C-alpha atoms as a PDB file:
ATOM      1  CA  MET A   1     107.689 110.833 167.539  1.00  0.00           C
ATOM      2  CA  ARG A   2     109.581 108.583 169.878  1.00  0.00           C
ATOM      3  CA  LYS A   3     108.443 105.508 171.761  1.00  0.00           C
ATOM      4  CA  GLY A   4     106.935 106.674 175.043  1.00  0.00           C
ATOM      5  CA  ASP A   5     105.923 110.113 173.734  1.00  0.00           C
ATOM      6  CA  ARG A   6     102.360 111.138 174.423  1.00  0.00           C
ATOM      7  CA  ALA A   7      99.991 112.640 171.880  1.00  0.00           C
ATOM      8  CA  PHE A   8      96.557 114.161 171.809  1.00  0.00           C
ATOM      9  CA  PHE A   9      93.836 112.174 170.043  1.00  0.00           C
ATOM     10  CA  TYR A  10      91.884 114.650 167.928  1.00  0.00           C
ATOM     11  CA  HIS A  11      88.622 113.988 166.095  1.00  0.00           C
ATOM     12  CA  SER A  12      89.207 115.879 162.862  1.00  0.00           C
ATOM     13  CA  ASN A  13      85.861 115.173 161.202  1.00  0.00           C
ATOM     14  CA  GLU A  14      83.009 114.820 163.665  1.00  0.00           C
ATOM     15  CA  GLY A  15      83.268 117.127 166.633  1.00  0.00           C
ATOM     16  CA  LYS A  16      86.636 118.691 165.815  1.00  0.00           C
ATOM     17  CA  GLU A  17      87.848 118.196 169.343  1.00  0.00           C
ATOM     18  CA  ILE A  18      90.671 116.691 171.374  1.00  0.00           C
ATOM     19  CA  VAL A  19      89.148 113.727 173.182  1.00  0.00           C
ATOM     20  CA  GLY A  20      92.041 111.861 174.732  1.00  0.00           C
ATOM     21  CA  ILE A  21      95.702 111.112 175.177  1.00  0.00           C
ATOM     22  CA  ALA A  22      97.593 108.330 173.428  1.00  0.00           C
ATOM     23  CA  GLU A  23     101.092 106.910 173.808  1.00  0.00           C
ATOM     24  CA  ILE A  24     103.513 106.120 170.982  1.00  0.00           C
ATOM     25  CA  ILE A  25     104.377 102.436 171.305  1.00  0.00           C
ATOM     26  CA  ARG A  26     106.315 101.949 168.048  1.00  0.00           C
ATOM     27  CA  GLU A  27     108.403 104.538 166.259  1.00  0.00           C
ATOM     28  CA  ALA A  28     108.130 105.416 162.576  1.00  0.00           C
ATOM     29  CA  TYR A  29     108.201 102.599 160.046  1.00  0.00           C
ATOM     30  CA  PRO A  30     107.126 102.421 156.372  1.00  0.00           C
ATOM     31  CA  ASP A  31     103.359 102.636 155.988  1.00  0.00           C
ATOM     32  CA  PRO A  32     102.357  99.217 154.637  1.00  0.00           C
ATOM     33  CA  THR A  33      99.355 100.743 152.835  1.00  0.00           C
ATOM     34  CA  ASP A  34     101.496 103.237 150.874  1.00  0.00           C
ATOM     35  CA  LYS A  35     102.520 101.774 147.530  1.00  0.00           C
ATOM     36  CA  THR A  36     104.768 104.777 146.797  1.00  0.00           C
ATOM     37  CA  GLY A  37     106.967 104.190 149.835  1.00  0.00           C
ATOM     38  CA  LYS A  38     106.888 107.887 150.773  1.00  0.00           C
ATOM     39  CA  PHE A  39     104.896 107.668 153.980  1.00  0.00           C
ATOM     40  CA  VAL A  40     105.608 106.311 157.444  1.00  0.00           C
ATOM     41  CA  CYS A  41     103.358 105.558 160.385  1.00  0.00           C
ATOM     42  CA  VAL A  42     103.652 104.991 164.125  1.00  0.00           C
ATOM     43  CA  ASP A  43     101.733 102.682 166.411  1.00  0.00           C
ATOM     44  CA  ILE A  44      99.834 104.206 169.302  1.00  0.00           C
ATOM     45  CA  LYS A  45      97.751 102.963 172.214  1.00  0.00           C
ATOM     46  CA  ALA A  46      95.013 104.805 174.015  1.00  0.00           C
ATOM     47  CA  ASP A  47      96.133 106.164 177.374  1.00  0.00           C
ATOM     48  CA  LYS A  48      93.156 108.047 178.808  1.00  0.00           C
ATOM     49  CA  PRO A  49      90.195 110.115 177.690  1.00  0.00           C
ATOM     50  CA  LEU A  50      89.890 113.771 178.581  1.00  0.00           C
ATOM     51  CA  LYS A  51      87.151 114.360 181.145  1.00  0.00           C
ATOM     52  CA  THR A  52      85.837 117.114 178.890  1.00  0.00           C
ATOM     53  CA  PRO A  53      86.590 117.148 175.144  1.00  0.00           C
ATOM     54  CA  VAL A  54      88.434 120.297 174.087  1.00  0.00           C
ATOM     55  CA  THR A  55      86.841 121.704 170.954  1.00  0.00           C
ATOM     56  CA  MET A  56      88.616 123.559 168.182  1.00  0.00           C
ATOM     57  CA  ALA A  57      86.390 126.539 168.997  1.00  0.00           C
ATOM     58  CA  ALA A  58      87.639 126.545 172.608  1.00  0.00           C
ATOM     59  CA  ILE A  59      91.251 126.268 171.457  1.00  0.00           C
ATOM     60  CA  LYS A  60      90.822 129.164 169.016  1.00  0.00           C
ATOM     61  CA  ALA A  61      89.155 131.248 171.740  1.00  0.00           C
ATOM     62  CA  ASP A  62      92.163 130.927 174.061  1.00  0.00           C
ATOM     63  CA  LYS A  63      94.706 133.620 173.162  1.00  0.00           C
ATOM     64  CA  LYS A  64      97.510 131.556 174.736  1.00  0.00           C
ATOM     65  CA  LEU A  65      96.909 128.899 172.050  1.00  0.00           C
ATOM     66  CA  ALA A  66      96.853 131.284 169.069  1.00  0.00           C
ATOM     67  CA  ASP A  67     100.188 129.964 167.794  1.00  0.00           C
ATOM     68  CA  MET A  68      99.350 126.285 168.307  1.00  0.00           C
ATOM     69  CA  ALA A  69     100.002 124.252 165.159  1.00  0.00           C
ATOM     70  CA  LEU A  70      96.466 122.843 165.351  1.00  0.00           C
ATOM     71  CA  VAL A  71      95.107 126.373 164.911  1.00  0.00           C
ATOM     72  CA  LYS A  72      97.561 127.472 162.227  1.00  0.00           C
ATOM     73  CA  TYR A  73      97.819 124.252 160.197  1.00  0.00           C
ATOM     74  CA  SER A  74      94.632 122.320 160.890  1.00  0.00           C
ATOM     75  CA  ARG A  75      95.050 120.064 157.833  1.00  0.00           C
ATOM     76  CA  LEU A  76      98.188 118.317 159.141  1.00  0.00           C
ATOM     77  CA  SER A  77      97.760 114.856 160.626  1.00  0.00           C
ATOM     78  CA  VAL A  78     100.706 115.117 163.007  1.00  0.00           C
ATOM     79  CA  GLN A  79     101.722 118.358 164.670  1.00  0.00           C
ATOM     80  CA  PRO A  80     104.078 119.429 167.435  1.00  0.00           C
ATOM     81  CA  VAL A  81     102.634 120.583 170.748  1.00  0.00           C
ATOM     82  CA  THR A  82     104.725 122.688 173.113  1.00  0.00           C
ATOM     83  CA  ALA A  83     104.932 121.846 176.813  1.00  0.00           C
ATOM     84  CA  GLU A  84     102.906 124.962 177.646  1.00  0.00           C
ATOM     85  CA  GLU A  85     100.206 124.109 175.062  1.00  0.00           C
ATOM     86  CA  TRP A  86     100.057 120.578 176.495  1.00  0.00           C
ATOM     87  CA  LYS A  87      99.453 121.920 180.006  1.00  0.00           C
ATOM     88  CA  ILE A  88      96.762 124.351 178.852  1.00  0.00           C
ATOM     89  CA  VAL A  89      94.846 121.760 176.808  1.00  0.00           C
ATOM     90  CA  CYS A  90      95.056 119.153 179.589  1.00  0.00           C
ATOM     91  CA  LYS A  91      93.687 121.703 182.066  1.00  0.00           C
ATOM     92  CA  MET A  92      90.884 122.592 179.638  1.00  0.00           C
ATOM     93  CA  GLY A  93      90.114 118.875 179.332  1.00  0.00           C
ATOM     94  CA  GLY A  94      89.887 118.356 183.067  1.00  0.00           C
ATOM     95  CA  LEU A  95      93.203 116.582 183.642  1.00  0.00           C
END
């Protein structure tokens, strides 16, 4: 992730839905909570909420999103999103 990149904010526990868009404001740096030194983190700021949250069920139901990393690898914290996936999800969310 690079400064200025945008990301979806996804509730992975309650709701299992994309609820908003965030912006990366600081690129990767060592995670200060990781005593092993293996992990990095980025700083983000909220940009805007989606008008309608996009649920995992809705994403899985859309055949155009079948290859989306969120569908295939739902346990990952950070995942790539293609430009086409971004457009589809934003449209589903009312943006």
